[in-house]
């Protein structure tokens, strides 16, 4: 039991089916694979890499652009699927990390190491913001397709508010590592996007 990976092949297969479903031009398996790649890059900094990997696999498992509770539903799915594979404390960390993707504010854990893991996890999720301009533009087009049901004026207002919110933060990324690697480009990308929207 102890030596089995938290996310085994059966669970990967089951979750992959969700990520390959219909209306997911961005929140799909490629997004999960990109985050897993970053988790690999920064593995030595993670206190509980398996818990972070689990949070990555589950964080967008339930995704409906019309719904307001995707993160809560995804966290509930993680709690259901991981029960019995992981102790309650670690599972609560996984769940809290997933829930935190709703606001991208770091959850307040008593445990410094868990807080650091959550910070790195949230930064991995937002790393696309600091991608090269063409990759960022492709991401924006994909998200727009996910919200294809939203009329253009509403989309521009909503997306503009999201970008302004991020740009107004003292830092977009929570960790020094991600700030150095992605922050300047993320600010350039989002400023450019905001200009195009307005």
N, C-alpha and C. Protein backbone atom coordinates (compact mmCIF):
# COMPACT_ATOMS: atom_id res chain seq x y z
N UNK A 1 0.84 -1.21 0.00
CA UNK A 1 0.00 0.00 0.00
C UNK A 1 0.88 1.26 0.00
N UNK A 2 1.84 1.30 0.92
CA UNK A 2 2.66 2.50 1.09
C UNK A 2 3.47 2.84 -0.17
N UNK A 3 3.91 1.80 -0.89
CA UNK A 3 4.80 2.03 -2.03
C UNK A 3 4.06 2.31 -3.33
N UNK A 4 2.76 2.13 -3.31
CA UNK A 4 2.01 2.41 -4.53
C UNK A 4 1.98 3.91 -4.78
N UNK A 5 2.13 4.31 -6.04
CA UNK A 5 2.05 5.75 -6.31
C UNK A 5 0.64 6.25 -6.01
N UNK A 6 0.58 7.50 -5.59
CA UNK A 6 -0.71 8.11 -5.25
C UNK A 6 -1.61 8.16 -6.48
N UNK A 7 -1.02 8.59 -7.59
CA UNK A 7 -1.77 8.62 -8.86
C UNK A 7 -1.23 7.47 -9.70
N UNK A 8 -1.92 6.33 -9.64
CA UNK A 8 -1.45 5.17 -10.39
C UNK A 8 -1.97 5.21 -11.83
N UNK A 9 -1.56 4.24 -12.62
CA UNK A 9 -1.93 4.26 -14.04
C UNK A 9 -3.44 4.21 -14.25
N UNK A 10 -4.14 3.46 -13.41
CA UNK A 10 -5.60 3.37 -13.56
C UNK A 10 -6.26 4.73 -13.35
N UNK A 11 -5.78 5.45 -12.34
CA UNK A 11 -6.33 6.78 -12.05
C UNK A 11 -5.94 7.77 -13.16
N UNK A 12 -4.73 7.67 -13.65
CA UNK A 12 -4.31 8.53 -14.77
C UNK A 12 -5.22 8.31 -15.98
N UNK A 13 -5.52 7.06 -16.24
CA UNK A 13 -6.38 6.73 -17.39
C UNK A 13 -7.77 7.32 -17.19
N UNK A 14 -8.31 7.14 -15.99
CA UNK A 14 -9.64 7.63 -15.66
C UNK A 14 -9.71 9.16 -15.77
N UNK A 15 -8.69 9.84 -15.24
CA UNK A 15 -8.68 11.30 -15.28
C UNK A 15 -8.41 11.81 -16.70
N UNK A 16 -7.58 11.09 -17.44
CA UNK A 16 -7.29 11.49 -18.82
C UNK A 16 -8.56 11.57 -19.66
N UNK A 17 -9.47 10.65 -19.41
CA UNK A 17 -10.76 10.65 -20.14
C UNK A 17 -11.49 11.98 -19.91
N UNK A 18 -11.48 12.46 -18.66
CA UNK A 18 -12.14 13.74 -18.34
C UNK A 18 -11.45 14.89 -19.08
N UNK A 19 -10.12 14.87 -19.10
CA UNK A 19 -9.38 15.96 -19.73
C UNK A 19 -9.48 15.94 -21.25
N UNK A 20 -9.84 14.79 -21.80
CA UNK A 20 -9.97 14.69 -23.26
C UNK A 20 -11.40 14.99 -23.72
N UNK A 21 -12.28 15.28 -22.76
CA UNK A 21 -13.70 15.53 -23.10
C UNK A 21 -13.84 16.80 -23.92
N UNK A 22 -15.04 16.94 -24.47
CA UNK A 22 -15.42 18.03 -25.39
C UNK A 22 -14.77 19.38 -25.31
N UNK A 23 -15.41 20.29 -24.57
CA UNK A 23 -15.10 21.72 -24.72
C UNK A 23 -13.90 22.16 -23.89
N UNK A 24 -12.75 21.63 -24.21
CA UNK A 24 -11.55 21.94 -23.43
C UNK A 24 -10.36 22.27 -24.33
N UNK A 25 -10.45 23.32 -25.11
CA UNK A 25 -9.30 23.69 -25.93
C UNK A 25 -8.05 24.01 -25.10
N UNK A 26 -8.24 24.51 -23.85
CA UNK A 26 -7.07 24.78 -23.02
C UNK A 26 -6.97 23.87 -21.79
N UNK A 27 -8.07 23.72 -21.05
CA UNK A 27 -8.02 22.95 -19.79
C UNK A 27 -8.08 21.45 -20.07
N UNK A 28 -7.06 20.98 -20.78
CA UNK A 28 -7.04 19.61 -21.27
C UNK A 28 -5.77 18.90 -20.78
N UNK A 29 -5.50 17.75 -21.36
CA UNK A 29 -4.36 16.95 -20.92
C UNK A 29 -3.02 17.66 -21.16
N UNK A 30 -2.94 18.46 -22.19
CA UNK A 30 -1.68 19.18 -22.46
C UNK A 30 -1.35 20.14 -21.31
N UNK A 31 -2.38 20.76 -20.74
CA UNK A 31 -2.19 21.67 -19.59
C UNK A 31 -1.67 20.88 -18.39
N UNK A 32 -2.23 19.70 -18.16
CA UNK A 32 -1.78 18.85 -17.05
C UNK A 32 -0.33 18.41 -17.29
N UNK A 33 -0.03 18.00 -18.52
CA UNK A 33 1.33 17.55 -18.83
C UNK A 33 2.34 18.68 -18.68
N UNK A 34 1.96 19.89 -19.05
CA UNK A 34 2.85 21.04 -18.89
C UNK A 34 3.15 21.28 -17.41
N UNK A 35 2.10 21.19 -16.59
CA UNK A 35 2.30 21.38 -15.15
C UNK A 35 3.14 20.26 -14.54
N UNK A 36 2.90 19.03 -14.98
CA UNK A 36 3.71 17.90 -14.47
C UNK A 36 5.18 18.09 -14.86
N UNK A 37 5.41 18.65 -16.05
CA UNK A 37 6.78 18.95 -16.47
C UNK A 37 7.45 19.96 -15.56
N UNK A 38 6.70 21.00 -15.18
CA UNK A 38 7.23 22.00 -14.25
C UNK A 38 7.46 21.40 -12.87
N UNK A 39 6.55 20.52 -12.45
CA UNK A 39 6.72 19.85 -11.15
C UNK A 39 8.01 19.03 -11.17
N UNK A 40 8.33 18.46 -12.32
CA UNK A 40 9.59 17.75 -12.48
C UNK A 40 10.78 18.68 -12.39
N UNK A 41 10.67 19.83 -13.06
CA UNK A 41 11.76 20.83 -13.04
C UNK A 41 12.08 21.27 -11.60
N UNK A 42 11.02 21.43 -10.80
CA UNK A 42 11.19 22.00 -9.46
C UNK A 42 11.03 20.95 -8.35
N UNK A 43 11.14 19.69 -8.74
CA UNK A 43 10.88 18.60 -7.78
C UNK A 43 11.72 18.71 -6.51
N UNK A 44 12.97 19.14 -6.65
CA UNK A 44 13.86 19.21 -5.48
C UNK A 44 13.38 20.27 -4.48
N UNK A 45 12.55 21.21 -4.92
CA UNK A 45 12.03 22.24 -4.02
C UNK A 45 10.75 21.80 -3.31
N UNK A 46 10.14 20.71 -3.79
CA UNK A 46 8.85 20.28 -3.24
C UNK A 46 9.03 19.39 -2.02
N UNK A 47 8.27 19.67 -0.99
CA UNK A 47 8.32 18.86 0.22
C UNK A 47 7.56 17.55 0.01
N UNK A 48 6.40 17.63 -0.67
CA UNK A 48 5.57 16.46 -0.91
C UNK A 48 5.20 16.42 -2.39
N UNK A 49 6.16 16.01 -3.24
CA UNK A 49 5.92 16.05 -4.68
C UNK A 49 4.71 15.22 -5.12
N UNK A 50 4.45 14.12 -4.41
CA UNK A 50 3.29 13.29 -4.77
C UNK A 50 1.97 14.02 -4.55
N UNK A 51 1.89 14.76 -3.46
CA UNK A 51 0.66 15.52 -3.18
C UNK A 51 0.47 16.61 -4.24
N UNK A 52 1.57 17.25 -4.62
CA UNK A 52 1.49 18.28 -5.67
C UNK A 52 1.07 17.64 -7.00
N UNK A 53 1.63 16.48 -7.29
CA UNK A 53 1.25 15.78 -8.52
C UNK A 53 -0.23 15.43 -8.51
N UNK A 54 -0.72 14.99 -7.35
CA UNK A 54 -2.15 14.66 -7.23
C UNK A 54 -3.00 15.91 -7.45
N UNK A 55 -2.58 17.03 -6.87
CA UNK A 55 -3.33 18.28 -7.05
C UNK A 55 -3.34 18.69 -8.52
N UNK A 56 -2.22 18.50 -9.20
CA UNK A 56 -2.14 18.82 -10.63
C UNK A 56 -3.14 17.96 -11.41
N UNK A 57 -3.13 16.67 -11.15
CA UNK A 57 -4.00 15.76 -11.90
C UNK A 57 -5.48 16.06 -11.68
N UNK A 58 -5.83 16.47 -10.47
CA UNK A 58 -7.26 16.67 -10.16
C UNK A 58 -7.76 18.10 -10.35
N UNK A 59 -6.86 19.11 -10.44
CA UNK A 59 -7.34 20.48 -10.23
C UNK A 59 -8.34 20.98 -11.27
N UNK A 60 -8.28 20.47 -12.49
CA UNK A 60 -9.27 20.85 -13.51
C UNK A 60 -10.08 19.65 -13.98
N UNK A 61 -10.14 18.61 -13.15
CA UNK A 61 -10.82 17.37 -13.57
C UNK A 61 -12.28 17.66 -13.92
N UNK A 62 -12.93 18.50 -13.12
CA UNK A 62 -14.29 18.94 -13.43
C UNK A 62 -14.17 20.34 -14.00
N UNK A 63 -14.55 20.50 -15.26
CA UNK A 63 -14.41 21.81 -15.89
C UNK A 63 -15.59 22.09 -16.82
N UNK A 64 -16.36 23.09 -16.43
CA UNK A 64 -17.48 23.56 -17.24
C UNK A 64 -17.43 25.08 -17.18
N UNK A 65 -17.18 25.72 -18.31
CA UNK A 65 -16.97 27.17 -18.29
C UNK A 65 -18.21 27.94 -17.81
N UNK A 66 -19.38 27.29 -17.80
CA UNK A 66 -20.59 27.96 -17.31
C UNK A 66 -20.78 27.81 -15.80
N UNK A 67 -20.01 26.91 -15.20
CA UNK A 67 -20.20 26.62 -13.77
C UNK A 67 -19.33 27.50 -12.90
N UNK A 68 -19.76 27.68 -11.65
CA UNK A 68 -19.01 28.52 -10.72
C UNK A 68 -18.29 27.68 -9.66
N UNK A 69 -18.49 26.37 -9.71
CA UNK A 69 -17.97 25.53 -8.62
C UNK A 69 -17.04 24.43 -9.12
N UNK A 70 -16.36 24.68 -10.24
CA UNK A 70 -15.47 23.65 -10.80
C UNK A 70 -14.40 23.20 -9.80
N UNK A 71 -13.80 24.18 -9.10
CA UNK A 71 -12.71 23.86 -8.18
C UNK A 71 -13.23 23.00 -7.02
N UNK A 72 -14.39 23.38 -6.49
CA UNK A 72 -14.98 22.61 -5.38
C UNK A 72 -15.34 21.19 -5.83
N UNK A 73 -15.86 21.08 -7.06
CA UNK A 73 -16.21 19.76 -7.60
C UNK A 73 -14.95 18.92 -7.83
N UNK A 74 -13.90 19.55 -8.33
CA UNK A 74 -12.64 18.85 -8.58
C UNK A 74 -12.01 18.39 -7.26
N UNK A 75 -12.07 19.25 -6.24
CA UNK A 75 -11.53 18.90 -4.92
C UNK A 75 -12.31 17.73 -4.33
N UNK A 76 -13.63 17.77 -4.49
CA UNK A 76 -14.48 16.69 -3.97
C UNK A 76 -14.15 15.37 -4.66
N UNK A 77 -13.90 15.44 -5.97
CA UNK A 77 -13.53 14.24 -6.72
C UNK A 77 -12.20 13.68 -6.20
N UNK A 78 -11.25 14.56 -5.94
CA UNK A 78 -9.95 14.14 -5.40
C UNK A 78 -10.14 13.45 -4.05
N UNK A 79 -10.97 14.05 -3.21
CA UNK A 79 -11.20 13.48 -1.88
C UNK A 79 -11.82 12.10 -2.00
N UNK A 80 -12.74 11.96 -2.93
CA UNK A 80 -13.41 10.68 -3.14
C UNK A 80 -12.43 9.62 -3.68
N UNK A 81 -11.67 9.99 -4.70
CA UNK A 81 -10.79 9.01 -5.37
C UNK A 81 -9.54 8.67 -4.56
N UNK A 82 -9.08 9.61 -3.74
CA UNK A 82 -7.83 9.38 -3.01
C UNK A 82 -8.05 8.88 -1.59
N UNK A 83 -9.30 8.87 -1.15
CA UNK A 83 -9.60 8.38 0.21
C UNK A 83 -9.05 6.96 0.33
N UNK A 84 -8.35 6.69 1.41
CA UNK A 84 -7.79 5.36 1.60
C UNK A 84 -6.41 5.18 0.99
N UNK A 85 -6.01 6.11 0.10
CA UNK A 85 -4.67 6.02 -0.49
C UNK A 85 -3.69 6.95 0.21
N UNK A 86 -4.23 7.85 1.03
CA UNK A 86 -3.42 8.96 1.53
C UNK A 86 -3.98 9.35 2.90
N UNK A 87 -3.13 9.80 3.81
CA UNK A 87 -3.65 10.16 5.13
C UNK A 87 -4.43 11.48 5.05
N UNK A 88 -5.26 11.69 6.06
CA UNK A 88 -6.21 12.82 6.04
C UNK A 88 -5.50 14.18 5.91
N UNK A 89 -4.36 14.30 6.59
CA UNK A 89 -3.64 15.58 6.54
C UNK A 89 -3.15 15.91 5.14
N UNK A 90 -2.55 14.92 4.49
CA UNK A 90 -2.06 15.15 3.12
C UNK A 90 -3.23 15.39 2.17
N UNK A 91 -4.32 14.63 2.36
CA UNK A 91 -5.47 14.80 1.48
C UNK A 91 -6.06 16.20 1.64
N UNK A 92 -6.07 16.71 2.85
CA UNK A 92 -6.60 18.07 3.05
C UNK A 92 -5.71 19.10 2.35
N UNK A 93 -4.40 18.84 2.29
CA UNK A 93 -3.49 19.73 1.56
C UNK A 93 -3.79 19.68 0.06
N UNK A 94 -3.98 18.48 -0.47
CA UNK A 94 -4.31 18.33 -1.90
C UNK A 94 -5.59 19.10 -2.21
N UNK A 95 -6.59 18.88 -1.39
CA UNK A 95 -7.89 19.52 -1.58
C UNK A 95 -7.78 21.05 -1.52
N UNK A 96 -7.04 21.54 -0.53
CA UNK A 96 -6.88 22.99 -0.37
C UNK A 96 -6.14 23.61 -1.57
N UNK A 97 -5.15 22.88 -2.10
CA UNK A 97 -4.43 23.38 -3.28
C UNK A 97 -5.38 23.51 -4.47
N UNK A 98 -6.23 22.50 -4.66
CA UNK A 98 -7.19 22.53 -5.78
C UNK A 98 -8.15 23.70 -5.60
N UNK A 99 -8.70 23.86 -4.40
CA UNK A 99 -9.64 24.95 -4.13
C UNK A 99 -8.99 26.32 -4.36
N UNK A 100 -7.68 26.41 -4.07
CA UNK A 100 -6.97 27.69 -4.20
C UNK A 100 -6.86 28.15 -5.65
N UNK A 101 -7.03 27.23 -6.62
CA UNK A 101 -6.94 27.66 -8.02
C UNK A 101 -8.11 28.55 -8.41
N UNK A 102 -9.14 28.64 -7.56
CA UNK A 102 -10.27 29.54 -7.83
C UNK A 102 -9.83 31.01 -7.72
N UNK A 103 -8.97 31.30 -6.76
CA UNK A 103 -8.55 32.69 -6.52
C UNK A 103 -7.06 32.92 -6.77
N UNK A 104 -6.31 31.83 -6.81
CA UNK A 104 -4.85 31.92 -6.90
C UNK A 104 -4.24 32.68 -5.74
N UNK A 105 -4.89 32.58 -4.57
CA UNK A 105 -4.28 33.03 -3.32
C UNK A 105 -3.77 31.77 -2.60
N UNK A 106 -2.60 31.87 -1.99
CA UNK A 106 -2.01 30.70 -1.33
C UNK A 106 -2.81 30.35 -0.08
N UNK A 107 -3.21 29.08 0.07
CA UNK A 107 -3.92 28.69 1.29
C UNK A 107 -3.02 28.83 2.52
N UNK A 108 -3.62 29.16 3.64
CA UNK A 108 -2.85 29.37 4.86
C UNK A 108 -2.74 28.06 5.63
N UNK A 109 -1.63 27.37 5.44
CA UNK A 109 -1.36 26.15 6.18
C UNK A 109 -0.51 26.50 7.40
N UNK A 110 -0.64 25.70 8.47
CA UNK A 110 0.25 25.87 9.63
C UNK A 110 1.67 25.48 9.24
N UNK A 111 1.73 24.61 8.24
CA UNK A 111 2.99 23.98 7.85
C UNK A 111 3.68 24.80 6.75
N UNK A 112 4.87 25.29 7.04
CA UNK A 112 5.62 26.12 6.09
C UNK A 112 5.89 25.37 4.78
N UNK A 113 6.25 24.09 4.90
CA UNK A 113 6.59 23.29 3.71
C UNK A 113 5.36 23.11 2.82
N UNK A 114 4.20 22.88 3.44
CA UNK A 114 2.95 22.71 2.66
C UNK A 114 2.57 24.02 1.97
N UNK A 115 2.81 25.13 2.66
CA UNK A 115 2.52 26.45 2.08
C UNK A 115 3.41 26.69 0.86
N UNK A 116 4.66 26.32 0.99
CA UNK A 116 5.63 26.47 -0.11
C UNK A 116 5.21 25.59 -1.30
N UNK A 117 4.81 24.36 -1.03
CA UNK A 117 4.33 23.47 -2.09
C UNK A 117 3.13 24.08 -2.80
N UNK A 118 2.20 24.62 -2.03
CA UNK A 118 1.00 25.22 -2.62
C UNK A 118 1.37 26.43 -3.48
N UNK A 119 2.34 27.21 -3.01
CA UNK A 119 2.80 28.39 -3.77
C UNK A 119 3.39 27.96 -5.12
N UNK A 120 4.21 26.94 -5.09
CA UNK A 120 4.82 26.43 -6.33
C UNK A 120 3.75 25.85 -7.26
N UNK A 121 2.80 25.11 -6.69
CA UNK A 121 1.70 24.53 -7.48
C UNK A 121 0.89 25.62 -8.18
N UNK A 122 0.52 26.68 -7.46
CA UNK A 122 -0.27 27.75 -8.06
C UNK A 122 0.54 28.46 -9.15
N UNK A 123 1.83 28.62 -8.92
CA UNK A 123 2.69 29.25 -9.93
C UNK A 123 2.79 28.38 -11.18
N UNK A 124 2.84 27.07 -11.00
CA UNK A 124 2.86 26.17 -12.17
C UNK A 124 1.58 26.36 -13.00
N UNK A 125 0.46 26.50 -12.30
CA UNK A 125 -0.83 26.64 -13.00
C UNK A 125 -0.87 27.93 -13.82
N UNK A 126 -0.20 28.97 -13.33
CA UNK A 126 -0.24 30.27 -14.02
C UNK A 126 0.95 30.49 -14.95
N UNK A 127 1.84 29.52 -15.06
CA UNK A 127 3.07 29.74 -15.83
C UNK A 127 2.81 30.12 -17.28
N UNK A 128 1.68 29.67 -17.83
CA UNK A 128 1.32 30.01 -19.22
C UNK A 128 1.27 31.53 -19.42
N UNK A 129 0.96 32.27 -18.37
CA UNK A 129 0.89 33.73 -18.49
C UNK A 129 2.24 34.31 -18.87
N UNK A 130 3.32 33.61 -18.47
CA UNK A 130 4.67 34.08 -18.77
C UNK A 130 5.33 33.34 -19.92
N UNK A 131 4.50 32.67 -20.73
CA UNK A 131 5.04 31.93 -21.88
C UNK A 131 5.47 32.90 -22.98
N UNK A 132 6.19 32.38 -23.98
CA UNK A 132 6.54 33.19 -25.15
C UNK A 132 5.26 33.74 -25.77
N UNK A 133 5.33 34.93 -26.40
CA UNK A 133 4.11 35.59 -26.89
C UNK A 133 3.21 34.71 -27.76
N UNK A 134 3.79 33.91 -28.65
CA UNK A 134 2.93 33.09 -29.52
C UNK A 134 2.19 32.01 -28.73
N UNK A 135 2.87 31.43 -27.73
CA UNK A 135 2.22 30.41 -26.88
C UNK A 135 1.14 31.06 -26.01
N UNK A 136 1.42 32.25 -25.51
CA UNK A 136 0.42 32.98 -24.72
C UNK A 136 -0.81 33.31 -25.58
N UNK A 137 -0.57 33.75 -26.80
CA UNK A 137 -1.70 34.09 -27.69
C UNK A 137 -2.54 32.85 -28.00
N UNK A 138 -1.89 31.72 -28.20
CA UNK A 138 -2.62 30.46 -28.46
C UNK A 138 -3.46 30.09 -27.24
N UNK A 139 -2.89 30.28 -26.05
CA UNK A 139 -3.64 30.03 -24.80
C UNK A 139 -4.87 30.92 -24.72
N UNK A 140 -4.70 32.20 -25.03
CA UNK A 140 -5.84 33.13 -24.96
C UNK A 140 -6.93 32.75 -25.95
N UNK A 141 -6.54 32.34 -27.14
CA UNK A 141 -7.54 31.91 -28.14
C UNK A 141 -8.27 30.67 -27.66
N UNK A 142 -7.52 29.75 -27.04
CA UNK A 142 -8.13 28.51 -26.55
C UNK A 142 -9.13 28.80 -25.42
N UNK A 143 -8.76 29.69 -24.51
CA UNK A 143 -9.69 30.04 -23.42
C UNK A 143 -10.92 30.74 -24.00
N UNK A 144 -10.71 31.58 -24.99
CA UNK A 144 -11.86 32.25 -25.62
C UNK A 144 -12.82 31.21 -26.21
N UNK A 145 -12.28 30.16 -26.81
CA UNK A 145 -13.13 29.11 -27.36
C UNK A 145 -13.90 28.38 -26.26
N UNK A 146 -13.25 28.20 -25.11
CA UNK A 146 -13.94 27.56 -23.98
C UNK A 146 -15.13 28.40 -23.52
N UNK A 147 -15.02 29.69 -23.71
CA UNK A 147 -16.11 30.60 -23.35
C UNK A 147 -16.83 31.12 -24.59
N UNK A 148 -16.92 30.24 -25.58
CA UNK A 148 -17.56 30.62 -26.85
C UNK A 148 -18.99 31.10 -26.70
N UNK A 149 -19.67 30.67 -25.64
CA UNK A 149 -21.07 31.06 -25.38
C UNK A 149 -21.19 32.49 -24.86
N UNK A 150 -20.08 33.10 -24.44
CA UNK A 150 -20.12 34.46 -23.91
C UNK A 150 -20.00 35.45 -25.08
N UNK A 151 -20.92 36.42 -25.14
CA UNK A 151 -20.87 37.40 -26.22
C UNK A 151 -19.64 38.31 -26.07
N UNK A 152 -19.16 38.79 -27.20
CA UNK A 152 -17.88 39.50 -27.24
C UNK A 152 -17.77 40.67 -26.25
N UNK A 153 -18.76 41.57 -26.16
CA UNK A 153 -18.61 42.68 -25.20
C UNK A 153 -18.45 42.20 -23.75
N UNK A 154 -19.23 41.16 -23.41
CA UNK A 154 -19.15 40.60 -22.05
C UNK A 154 -17.78 39.93 -21.84
N UNK A 155 -17.33 39.22 -22.87
CA UNK A 155 -16.02 38.56 -22.79
C UNK A 155 -14.93 39.60 -22.56
N UNK A 156 -14.95 40.65 -23.35
CA UNK A 156 -13.90 41.68 -23.24
C UNK A 156 -13.89 42.31 -21.84
N UNK A 157 -15.08 42.58 -21.33
CA UNK A 157 -15.17 43.18 -19.99
C UNK A 157 -14.66 42.20 -18.93
N UNK A 158 -15.11 40.95 -19.02
CA UNK A 158 -14.74 39.95 -18.02
C UNK A 158 -13.27 39.61 -18.05
N UNK A 159 -12.78 39.36 -19.26
CA UNK A 159 -11.36 39.01 -19.40
C UNK A 159 -10.48 40.20 -19.02
N UNK A 160 -10.91 41.37 -19.40
CA UNK A 160 -10.16 42.58 -19.05
C UNK A 160 -10.04 42.73 -17.54
N UNK A 161 -11.13 42.45 -16.83
CA UNK A 161 -11.12 42.54 -15.36
C UNK A 161 -10.15 41.53 -14.76
N UNK A 162 -10.12 40.33 -15.31
CA UNK A 162 -9.20 39.29 -14.81
C UNK A 162 -7.75 39.75 -15.00
N UNK A 163 -7.43 40.22 -16.20
CA UNK A 163 -6.06 40.66 -16.49
C UNK A 163 -5.66 41.84 -15.61
N UNK A 164 -6.58 42.80 -15.46
CA UNK A 164 -6.28 43.96 -14.61
C UNK A 164 -6.02 43.52 -13.17
N UNK A 165 -6.81 42.54 -12.72
CA UNK A 165 -6.64 42.02 -11.36
C UNK A 165 -5.25 41.45 -11.15
N UNK A 166 -4.79 40.66 -12.11
CA UNK A 166 -3.45 40.08 -12.00
C UNK A 166 -2.37 41.17 -12.09
N UNK A 167 -2.54 42.09 -13.02
CA UNK A 167 -1.53 43.13 -13.20
C UNK A 167 -1.43 44.06 -11.99
N UNK A 168 -2.53 44.17 -11.25
CA UNK A 168 -2.55 45.04 -10.07
C UNK A 168 -1.84 44.41 -8.87
N UNK A 169 -1.62 43.11 -8.92
CA UNK A 169 -0.95 42.44 -7.80
C UNK A 169 0.51 42.88 -7.74
N UNK A 170 1.08 42.99 -6.54
CA UNK A 170 2.51 43.32 -6.46
C UNK A 170 3.35 42.28 -7.18
N UNK A 171 2.92 41.02 -7.09
CA UNK A 171 3.57 39.93 -7.83
C UNK A 171 2.50 39.02 -8.37
N UNK A 172 2.66 38.57 -9.62
CA UNK A 172 1.73 37.60 -10.20
C UNK A 172 2.05 36.21 -9.65
N UNK A 173 3.34 35.94 -9.51
CA UNK A 173 3.79 34.63 -9.04
C UNK A 173 4.18 34.70 -7.56
N UNK A 174 3.96 33.60 -6.84
CA UNK A 174 4.17 33.58 -5.40
C UNK A 174 5.61 33.29 -5.02
N UNK A 175 6.34 32.60 -5.89
CA UNK A 175 7.69 32.17 -5.53
C UNK A 175 8.75 32.93 -6.32
N UNK A 176 9.90 33.05 -5.69
CA UNK A 176 11.03 33.74 -6.31
C UNK A 176 11.42 33.07 -7.63
N UNK A 177 11.41 31.73 -7.64
CA UNK A 177 11.82 30.98 -8.82
C UNK A 177 10.95 31.33 -10.03
N UNK A 178 9.64 31.36 -9.82
CA UNK A 178 8.73 31.64 -10.93
C UNK A 178 8.72 33.12 -11.29
N UNK A 179 8.92 33.98 -10.30
CA UNK A 179 9.01 35.42 -10.62
C UNK A 179 10.18 35.68 -11.55
N UNK A 180 11.31 35.07 -11.23
CA UNK A 180 12.49 35.28 -12.06
C UNK A 180 12.28 34.73 -13.47
N UNK A 181 11.64 33.58 -13.54
CA UNK A 181 11.52 32.90 -14.83
C UNK A 181 10.38 33.46 -15.69
N UNK A 182 9.27 33.87 -15.06
CA UNK A 182 8.06 34.17 -15.84
C UNK A 182 7.45 35.56 -15.65
N UNK A 183 7.75 36.23 -14.55
CA UNK A 183 7.01 37.47 -14.23
C UNK A 183 7.14 38.58 -15.29
N UNK A 184 8.37 38.93 -15.73
CA UNK A 184 8.46 40.05 -16.69
C UNK A 184 7.68 39.77 -17.97
N UNK A 185 7.80 38.55 -18.49
CA UNK A 185 7.09 38.19 -19.72
C UNK A 185 5.58 38.15 -19.49
N UNK A 186 5.16 37.67 -18.32
CA UNK A 186 3.72 37.61 -18.01
C UNK A 186 3.13 39.02 -18.02
N UNK A 187 3.85 39.97 -17.45
CA UNK A 187 3.34 41.35 -17.42
C UNK A 187 3.27 41.93 -18.84
N UNK A 188 4.27 41.63 -19.64
CA UNK A 188 4.23 42.11 -21.03
C UNK A 188 3.07 41.48 -21.79
N UNK A 189 2.91 40.16 -21.65
CA UNK A 189 1.82 39.46 -22.34
C UNK A 189 0.45 40.02 -21.96
N UNK A 190 0.24 40.19 -20.67
CA UNK A 190 -1.08 40.61 -20.20
C UNK A 190 -1.37 42.07 -20.54
N UNK A 191 -0.34 42.91 -20.49
CA UNK A 191 -0.54 44.32 -20.86
C UNK A 191 -0.93 44.39 -22.35
N UNK A 192 -0.26 43.60 -23.16
CA UNK A 192 -0.55 43.56 -24.60
C UNK A 192 -1.97 43.05 -24.84
N UNK A 193 -2.34 42.01 -24.12
CA UNK A 193 -3.69 41.43 -24.25
C UNK A 193 -4.75 42.43 -23.85
N UNK A 194 -4.49 43.13 -22.75
CA UNK A 194 -5.44 44.12 -22.24
C UNK A 194 -5.64 45.24 -23.25
N UNK A 195 -4.55 45.65 -23.87
CA UNK A 195 -4.62 46.70 -24.90
C UNK A 195 -5.51 46.24 -26.06
N UNK A 196 -5.36 44.99 -26.47
CA UNK A 196 -6.15 44.45 -27.58
C UNK A 196 -7.63 44.35 -27.21
N UNK A 197 -7.90 44.05 -25.93
CA UNK A 197 -9.31 43.91 -25.49
C UNK A 197 -10.02 45.25 -25.40
N UNK A 198 -9.24 46.30 -25.10
CA UNK A 198 -9.85 47.61 -24.95
C UNK A 198 -9.59 48.42 -26.20
